[in-house]
């Protein structure tokens, strides 16, 4: 009875995987990208949350010149959590220096004739100084809202004193209703960030893919493999699956970390939420299996022609930019979700995750197209690599 032997591609797969796990540089790179993207996205969103809630927690710092002329206005500002600092008359240079130093969100200067103009029912001038280059835009808008409400109150009181209804100045009344959910807003705002979760799949597969092809060719160990009684497709498949396995593990761990970070962040503070469930994440991970397969196949197909490890790494690194372009450009164009987006690898995964994050029902077709588009591209790259390794020109160059 003949002993059972493993298929040759599994032997190659185990050999390449063993060598990859021994490479501390590759494992260190894997760990860096697993941690980097979730922490980077979490840090950006956390900073936005802190900026949005800073005015509620700490108040808005406002420097007022001539505050004694408008005590009612000062009282209304204080009611809106505005911390008023009274100051003596300042020149334009002094105001600019004060704002650039971010010692105050804005400077409110009342004209010397403010009180007399107010009592004589003439337009009383207020000057609101602010620096648009700082991150105090929301605080300045809150101050403007108070000033606008104060002006409307005065106008209404003066009209009533003359026997005119304030409604005369408001011939129409517009009521706004926002049907967008917090989940849809969050998915739209961080749409570009969602694509960043899948980009590392190409980085995870880069080192094992390049090392098992151009690296072995440079070390002259490719000759030994090609001299073995094994089909070329077994060699290619073993290397392909080994690089894909490393990328798949890294991608799944990264997605789980990103999901945990987004669940932990208080996104409701900025009117957003993350409604993706762990069940949805499992579906995304299953569909994303084809992405590491494509990443590894593409990089092997490019690295197989390189004679040195450095040359292959450079070529593959530049080629990785191509799938990233739609991920960056499409969200910037603010296009509505269309079926063709699920046919573009990497963009398809970004689009699918964005739709799931909105809490919308996604049919089976987007899942199938997302999985199939990357898988077909991967098989095409594997077929090219197999054809290339069979050619006499490649054999003579090894």
Protein backbone atom coordinates (compact mmCIF):
# COMPACT_ATOMS: atom_id res chain seq x y z
CA UNK A 1 0.00 0.00 0.00
CA UNK A 2 1.49 3.32 -1.11
CA UNK A 3 1.83 6.02 1.56
CA UNK A 4 -0.36 9.05 1.05
CA UNK A 5 1.54 12.04 -0.25
CA UNK A 6 0.53 15.65 -0.09
CA UNK A 7 -0.26 17.53 -3.28
CA UNK A 8 2.84 19.35 -4.47
CA UNK A 9 1.31 22.81 -4.24
CA UNK A 10 0.61 22.21 -0.53
CA UNK A 11 4.25 21.23 -0.01
CA UNK A 12 5.35 24.47 -1.68
CA UNK A 13 2.74 26.39 0.32
CA UNK A 14 3.99 25.05 3.66
CA UNK A 15 7.60 25.67 2.68
CA UNK A 16 6.94 29.31 1.70
CA UNK A 17 4.76 29.94 4.75
CA UNK A 18 7.45 28.53 7.05
CA UNK A 19 10.06 30.81 5.53
CA UNK A 20 7.77 33.82 5.82
CA UNK A 21 7.11 33.18 9.51
CA UNK A 22 10.86 33.06 10.07
CA UNK A 23 11.28 36.49 8.48
CA UNK A 24 11.07 38.94 11.37
CA UNK A 25 11.15 41.90 9.02
CA UNK A 26 8.01 40.71 7.23
CA UNK A 27 6.23 40.02 10.51
CA UNK A 28 7.21 43.44 11.86
CA UNK A 29 5.83 45.10 8.73
CA UNK A 30 2.64 43.09 9.11
CA UNK A 31 2.23 44.24 12.72
CA UNK A 32 2.89 47.89 11.83
CA UNK A 33 0.17 48.02 9.16
CA UNK A 34 -2.29 46.02 11.28
CA UNK A 35 -2.04 48.67 13.99
CA UNK A 36 -1.40 51.78 11.91
CA UNK A 37 -4.60 52.20 9.90
CA UNK A 38 -7.17 51.52 12.66
CA UNK A 39 -5.29 53.74 15.10
CA UNK A 40 -4.86 56.47 12.49
CA UNK A 41 -8.57 56.52 11.59
CA UNK A 42 -9.49 56.39 15.28
CA UNK A 43 -7.12 59.26 16.05
CA UNK A 44 -8.52 61.46 13.27
CA UNK A 45 -12.13 60.89 14.35
CA UNK A 46 -11.26 61.31 18.03
CA UNK A 47 -9.66 64.67 17.24
CA UNK A 48 -12.82 65.77 15.42
CA UNK A 49 -14.91 64.72 18.41
CA UNK A 50 -12.67 66.65 20.80
CA UNK A 51 -12.87 69.76 18.62
CA UNK A 52 -16.65 69.52 18.35
CA UNK A 53 -17.18 69.09 22.09
CA UNK A 54 -14.44 71.44 23.33
CA UNK A 55 -16.70 74.50 23.22
CA UNK A 56 -19.39 72.72 25.27
CA UNK A 57 -16.90 71.56 27.89
CA UNK A 58 -14.60 74.54 28.15
CA UNK A 59 -16.72 77.38 26.75
CA UNK A 60 -15.90 79.84 23.96
CA UNK A 61 -13.26 82.43 24.66
CA UNK A 62 -14.35 85.85 23.34
CA UNK A 63 -12.50 89.13 23.80
CA UNK A 64 -14.85 92.13 23.77
CA UNK A 65 -13.82 95.75 23.28
CA UNK A 66 -16.43 98.17 24.62
CA UNK A 67 -18.49 95.55 26.44
CA UNK A 68 -20.00 98.12 28.82
CA UNK A 69 -22.09 99.60 25.98
CA UNK A 70 -24.16 96.42 25.52
CA UNK A 71 -24.84 94.69 28.86
CA UNK A 72 -27.84 92.77 27.51
CA UNK A 73 -25.81 91.36 24.65
CA UNK A 74 -23.06 90.32 27.08
CA UNK A 75 -25.62 88.52 29.22
CA UNK A 76 -26.96 86.57 26.23
CA UNK A 77 -23.44 85.59 25.20
CA UNK A 78 -22.71 84.29 28.70
CA UNK A 79 -25.89 82.22 28.61
CA UNK A 80 -24.52 80.46 25.52
CA UNK A 81 -21.38 79.38 27.38
CA UNK A 82 -19.25 82.22 26.00
CA UNK A 83 -16.45 83.33 28.31
CA UNK A 84 -16.10 87.11 27.89
CA UNK A 85 -12.84 88.90 28.48
CA UNK A 86 -13.17 92.69 28.44
CA UNK A 87 -10.28 94.55 26.84
CA UNK A 88 -9.20 98.11 26.22
CA UNK A 89 -9.19 99.46 22.64
CA UNK A 90 -6.81 97.44 20.45
CA UNK A 91 -5.29 98.19 17.08
CA UNK A 92 -5.74 95.88 14.10
CA UNK A 93 -2.20 94.54 14.57
CA UNK A 94 -2.87 93.75 18.22
CA UNK A 95 -6.15 91.98 17.36
CA UNK A 96 -4.42 89.94 14.65
CA UNK A 97 -1.66 88.94 17.06
CA UNK A 98 -4.22 87.95 19.69
CA UNK A 99 -6.12 85.72 17.26
CA UNK A 100 -3.00 84.10 15.81
CA UNK A 101 -1.91 83.19 19.30
CA UNK A 102 -5.32 81.47 19.71
CA UNK A 103 -5.83 83.20 23.03
CA UNK A 104 -9.43 83.84 21.94
CA UNK A 105 -11.72 82.30 19.36
CA UNK A 106 -12.78 85.78 18.20
CA UNK A 107 -12.66 89.46 19.07
CA UNK A 108 -15.87 91.51 19.23
CA UNK A 109 -15.32 95.26 18.92
CA UNK A 110 -18.16 97.71 19.52
CA UNK A 111 -17.84 101.08 17.85
CA UNK A 112 -17.53 104.13 20.17
CA UNK A 113 -20.89 105.35 18.91
CA UNK A 114 -22.61 101.99 19.53
CA UNK A 115 -24.68 103.14 22.53
CA UNK A 116 -25.86 106.38 20.93
CA UNK A 117 -26.70 104.67 17.63
CA UNK A 118 -28.62 101.99 19.53
CA UNK A 119 -30.73 104.47 21.47
CA UNK A 120 -31.37 106.59 18.35
CA UNK A 121 -32.51 103.42 16.52
CA UNK A 122 -29.73 103.67 13.99
CA UNK A 123 -27.71 100.58 12.93
CA UNK A 124 -25.23 100.01 15.74
CA UNK A 125 -21.98 98.63 14.31
CA UNK A 126 -20.33 95.51 15.67
CA UNK A 127 -17.03 94.15 14.37
CA UNK A 128 -16.37 90.43 14.72
CA UNK A 129 -12.72 89.55 14.14
CA UNK A 130 -11.62 85.95 13.69
CA UNK A 131 -8.86 83.91 12.04
CA UNK A 132 -10.23 81.43 9.49
CA UNK A 133 -6.87 79.61 9.42
CA UNK A 134 -7.49 78.20 12.92
CA UNK A 135 -9.89 75.45 13.96
CA UNK A 136 -12.32 77.85 15.68
CA UNK A 137 -14.86 77.89 12.87
CA UNK A 138 -17.61 76.25 14.89
CA UNK A 139 -17.06 78.58 17.86
CA UNK A 140 -17.25 81.63 15.60
CA UNK A 141 -20.52 80.35 14.09
CA UNK A 142 -21.97 79.94 17.58
CA UNK A 143 -21.07 83.56 18.38
CA UNK A 144 -22.63 84.72 15.10
CA UNK A 145 -25.83 82.84 15.98
CA UNK A 146 -26.08 84.73 19.27
CA UNK A 147 -25.50 88.08 17.55
CA UNK A 148 -28.09 87.24 14.90
CA UNK A 149 -30.67 86.22 17.50
CA UNK A 150 -29.94 89.36 19.52
CA UNK A 151 -30.48 91.54 16.44
CA UNK A 152 -33.76 89.79 15.60
CA UNK A 153 -35.02 90.26 19.15
CA UNK A 154 -34.31 93.99 19.04
CA UNK A 155 -35.95 94.33 15.63
CA UNK A 156 -39.06 92.49 16.83
CA UNK A 157 -39.34 94.67 19.96
CA UNK A 158 -39.04 97.88 17.94
CA UNK A 159 -41.71 96.78 15.48
CA UNK A 160 -44.09 95.93 18.29
CA UNK A 161 -43.46 99.35 19.83
CA UNK A 162 -44.68 100.89 16.57
CA UNK A 163 -47.69 98.58 16.35
CA UNK A 164 -46.25 96.38 13.62
CA UNK A 165 -46.13 92.63 13.95
CA UNK A 166 -42.63 91.13 13.59
CA UNK A 167 -44.17 88.45 11.35
CA UNK A 168 -44.37 91.15 8.65
CA UNK A 169 -40.62 90.72 8.09
CA UNK A 170 -41.01 86.96 7.65
CA UNK A 171 -43.33 86.47 4.66
CA UNK A 172 -42.35 82.80 4.33
CA UNK A 173 -41.24 80.24 6.87
CA UNK A 174 -39.02 77.35 5.81
CA UNK A 175 -38.93 74.19 7.89
CA UNK A 176 -36.10 71.79 7.19
CA UNK A 177 -36.36 68.02 7.67
CA UNK A 178 -33.23 65.89 7.41
CA UNK A 179 -34.04 62.28 6.52
CA UNK A 180 -30.39 61.25 6.67
CA UNK A 181 -29.50 58.96 9.56
CA UNK A 182 -26.43 59.30 11.72
CA UNK A 183 -25.11 56.09 10.17
CA UNK A 184 -25.46 57.39 6.61
CA UNK A 185 -23.76 60.66 7.58
CA UNK A 186 -20.87 58.81 9.19
CA UNK A 187 -20.45 56.51 6.18
CA UNK A 188 -20.39 59.51 3.86
CA UNK A 189 -17.93 61.49 5.97
CA UNK A 190 -15.48 58.63 6.46
CA UNK A 191 -16.05 57.08 3.03
CA UNK A 192 -12.44 57.65 1.99
CA UNK A 193 -11.19 56.28 5.29
CA UNK A 194 -13.06 53.02 4.75
CA UNK A 195 -10.96 52.28 1.69
CA UNK A 196 -7.84 52.60 3.82
CA UNK A 197 -8.88 49.46 5.72
CA UNK A 198 -8.37 47.31 2.61
CA UNK A 199 -5.23 48.92 1.15
CA UNK A 200 -2.92 47.14 3.64
CA UNK A 201 -3.79 43.80 1.99
CA UNK A 202 -1.27 44.76 -0.71
CA UNK A 203 1.39 45.62 1.87
CA UNK A 204 0.80 42.40 3.81
CA UNK A 205 1.39 40.28 0.70
CA UNK A 206 4.32 42.31 -0.65
CA UNK A 207 7.21 40.82 1.31
CA UNK A 208 6.32 37.10 0.95
CA UNK A 209 5.34 37.55 -2.71
CA UNK A 210 8.57 39.29 -3.66
CA UNK A 211 10.81 37.07 -1.53
CA UNK A 212 9.37 33.84 -2.95
CA UNK A 213 9.94 34.95 -6.55
CA UNK A 214 12.59 37.61 -7.16
CA UNK A 215 14.27 36.80 -3.85
CA UNK A 216 14.70 33.14 -4.77
CA UNK A 217 15.84 34.09 -8.23
CA UNK A 218 18.49 36.38 -6.74
CA UNK A 219 19.61 33.66 -4.30
CA UNK A 220 19.72 31.14 -7.20
CA UNK A 221 17.30 28.82 -5.40
CA UNK A 222 14.69 29.17 -8.12
CA UNK A 223 16.77 26.84 -10.29
CA UNK A 224 16.41 24.07 -7.71
CA UNK A 225 12.62 24.47 -7.61
CA UNK A 226 12.25 24.46 -11.39
CA UNK A 227 14.45 21.35 -11.61
CA UNK A 228 12.06 19.39 -9.41
CA UNK A 229 9.53 16.98 -10.98
CA UNK A 230 6.66 19.35 -10.30
CA UNK A 231 4.29 21.21 -12.52
CA UNK A 232 4.79 24.95 -12.83
CA UNK A 233 1.25 25.58 -11.65
CA UNK A 234 2.01 23.76 -8.39
CA UNK A 235 4.97 26.06 -7.73
CA UNK A 236 2.97 29.17 -8.60
CA UNK A 237 -0.08 28.09 -6.58
CA UNK A 238 2.00 27.27 -3.51
CA UNK A 239 3.71 30.66 -3.53
CA UNK A 240 0.42 32.40 -4.27
CA UNK A 241 -1.48 30.77 -1.41
CA UNK A 242 1.36 31.41 1.05
CA UNK A 243 1.47 35.14 0.32
CA UNK A 244 -2.34 35.29 0.29
CA UNK A 245 -2.59 33.57 3.68
CA UNK A 246 -0.33 36.13 5.32
CA UNK A 247 -2.28 39.01 3.75
CA UNK A 248 -5.62 37.48 4.71
CA UNK A 249 -4.68 37.07 8.37
CA UNK A 250 -3.39 40.64 8.52
CA UNK A 251 -6.50 42.03 6.80
CA UNK A 252 -8.96 40.19 9.07
CA UNK A 253 -7.14 41.28 12.25
CA UNK A 254 -6.99 44.85 10.97
CA UNK A 255 -10.70 44.96 10.10
CA UNK A 256 -11.60 43.61 13.53
CA UNK A 257 -9.42 46.23 15.22
CA UNK A 258 -10.90 49.03 13.09
CA UNK A 259 -14.43 47.84 13.87
CA UNK A 260 -13.65 47.78 17.59
CA UNK A 261 -12.18 51.30 17.50
CA UNK A 262 -15.17 52.74 15.62
CA UNK A 263 -17.59 51.00 18.01
CA UNK A 264 -15.72 52.44 20.99
CA UNK A 265 -15.57 56.06 19.76
CA UNK A 266 -18.48 58.34 20.85
CA UNK A 267 -19.39 59.23 17.26
CA UNK A 268 -22.82 60.46 18.38
CA UNK A 269 -21.05 63.56 19.72
CA UNK A 270 -20.54 64.70 16.11
CA UNK A 271 -23.89 63.43 14.81
CA UNK A 272 -22.58 60.12 13.47
CA UNK A 273 -22.70 56.46 14.41
CA UNK A 274 -21.19 53.13 13.39
CA UNK A 275 -23.99 50.59 12.95
CA UNK A 276 -21.97 47.78 11.44
CA UNK A 277 -22.52 44.60 13.48
CA UNK A 278 -20.08 41.79 14.07
CA UNK A 279 -22.24 39.65 11.79
CA UNK A 280 -21.83 42.20 9.01
CA UNK A 281 -18.10 42.24 9.66
CA UNK A 282 -17.93 38.46 9.24
CA UNK A 283 -19.62 38.79 5.84
CA UNK A 284 -17.17 41.54 4.85
CA UNK A 285 -14.23 39.34 5.88
CA UNK A 286 -15.58 36.40 3.87
CA UNK A 287 -16.07 38.56 0.79
CA UNK A 288 -12.62 40.07 1.31
CA UNK A 289 -10.90 36.69 0.95
CA UNK A 290 -10.52 37.37 -2.77
CA UNK A 291 -8.70 40.67 -2.18
CA UNK A 292 -5.54 39.13 -0.63
CA UNK A 293 -5.65 36.54 -3.42
CA UNK A 294 -5.60 39.35 -5.97
CA UNK A 295 -2.94 41.35 -4.12
CA UNK A 296 -0.60 38.37 -3.87
CA UNK A 297 -1.20 37.27 -7.47
CA UNK A 298 -0.57 40.77 -8.82
CA UNK A 299 2.65 41.20 -6.90
CA UNK A 300 3.94 37.73 -7.85
CA UNK A 301 3.14 38.41 -11.51
CA UNK A 302 5.17 41.62 -11.36
CA UNK A 303 8.02 40.24 -9.24
CA UNK A 304 8.51 37.12 -11.36
CA UNK A 305 10.20 39.17 -14.08
CA UNK A 306 12.58 41.00 -11.72
CA UNK A 307 16.11 39.71 -11.28
CA UNK A 308 16.68 41.22 -7.82
CA UNK A 309 14.60 41.60 -4.68
CA UNK A 310 14.98 45.39 -4.70
CA UNK A 311 13.86 45.70 -8.32
CA UNK A 312 10.77 43.58 -7.67
CA UNK A 313 9.88 45.50 -4.52
CA UNK A 314 10.12 48.82 -6.36
CA UNK A 315 8.01 47.61 -9.29
CA UNK A 316 5.32 46.09 -7.08
CA UNK A 317 5.20 49.15 -4.84
CA UNK A 318 4.51 51.45 -7.81
CA UNK A 319 1.91 49.04 -9.21
CA UNK A 320 -0.01 49.11 -5.91
CA UNK A 321 -0.86 52.75 -6.54
CA UNK A 322 -3.16 51.81 -9.46
CA UNK A 323 -5.89 50.04 -7.39
CA UNK A 324 -5.73 52.85 -4.83
CA UNK A 325 -6.63 55.61 -7.30
CA UNK A 326 -10.40 54.81 -7.53
CA UNK A 327 -10.56 54.46 -3.73
CA UNK A 328 -9.37 58.06 -3.36
CA UNK A 329 -10.93 59.68 -6.44
CA UNK A 330 -14.49 58.24 -6.33
CA UNK A 331 -15.34 59.53 -2.80
CA UNK A 332 -13.96 62.95 -3.77
CA UNK A 333 -16.34 63.06 -6.76
CA UNK A 334 -19.24 62.30 -4.38
CA UNK A 335 -20.80 59.84 -6.82
CA UNK A 336 -23.90 57.87 -5.96
CA UNK A 337 -23.36 54.16 -5.46
CA UNK A 338 -23.60 52.36 -8.79
CA UNK A 339 -23.31 48.72 -9.83
CA UNK A 340 -20.05 49.20 -11.74
CA UNK A 341 -18.27 50.14 -8.52
CA UNK A 342 -18.55 46.53 -7.36
CA UNK A 343 -16.57 45.42 -10.42
CA UNK A 344 -13.42 47.36 -9.49
CA UNK A 345 -11.18 45.55 -6.97
CA UNK A 346 -10.58 47.49 -3.76
CA UNK A 347 -13.18 50.10 -4.71
CA UNK A 348 -15.78 47.33 -4.52
CA UNK A 349 -14.79 46.48 -0.95
CA UNK A 350 -14.85 50.14 0.05
CA UNK A 351 -18.31 50.63 -1.51
CA UNK A 352 -19.71 47.49 0.11
CA UNK A 353 -18.45 48.45 3.57
CA UNK A 354 -19.82 51.98 3.16
CA UNK A 355 -23.29 50.70 2.24
CA UNK A 356 -23.32 48.28 5.17
CA UNK A 357 -22.17 51.06 7.50
CA UNK A 358 -25.17 53.15 6.40
CA UNK A 359 -27.45 50.45 7.76
CA UNK A 360 -29.01 49.86 4.36
CA UNK A 361 -30.07 46.47 3.06
CA UNK A 362 -27.52 45.11 0.60
CA UNK A 363 -28.63 42.28 -1.68
CA UNK A 364 -26.51 39.25 -2.61
CA UNK A 365 -25.39 40.70 -5.97
CA UNK A 366 -22.94 43.28 -4.50
CA UNK A 367 -21.35 40.54 -2.38
CA UNK A 368 -20.96 38.26 -5.40
CA UNK A 369 -19.57 41.01 -7.63
CA UNK A 370 -17.14 42.20 -4.94
CA UNK A 371 -15.82 38.68 -4.40
CA UNK A 372 -15.82 37.72 -8.08
CA UNK A 373 -14.12 40.83 -9.45
CA UNK A 374 -11.00 40.38 -7.32
CA UNK A 375 -10.98 36.61 -7.83
CA UNK A 376 -11.09 36.90 -11.63
CA UNK A 377 -8.28 39.45 -11.58
CA UNK A 378 -6.26 37.14 -9.31
CA UNK A 379 -6.75 34.13 -11.61
CA UNK A 380 -5.67 36.21 -14.60
CA UNK A 381 -2.45 37.19 -12.79
CA UNK A 382 -1.80 33.56 -11.79
CA UNK A 383 -2.32 32.43 -15.38
CA UNK A 384 0.19 35.02 -16.57
CA UNK A 385 2.74 33.95 -13.96
CA UNK A 386 2.32 30.29 -14.90
CA UNK A 387 2.76 31.09 -18.60
CA UNK A 388 5.78 33.25 -17.85
CA UNK A 389 7.55 30.59 -15.80
CA UNK A 390 6.96 27.99 -18.53
CA UNK A 391 8.55 30.13 -21.24
CA UNK A 392 12.04 29.23 -22.44
CA UNK A 393 13.14 32.85 -22.21
CA UNK A 394 12.39 32.91 -18.49
CA UNK A 395 14.06 29.53 -17.92
CA UNK A 396 17.22 30.73 -19.66
CA UNK A 397 17.29 33.90 -17.55
CA UNK A 398 17.03 32.11 -14.19
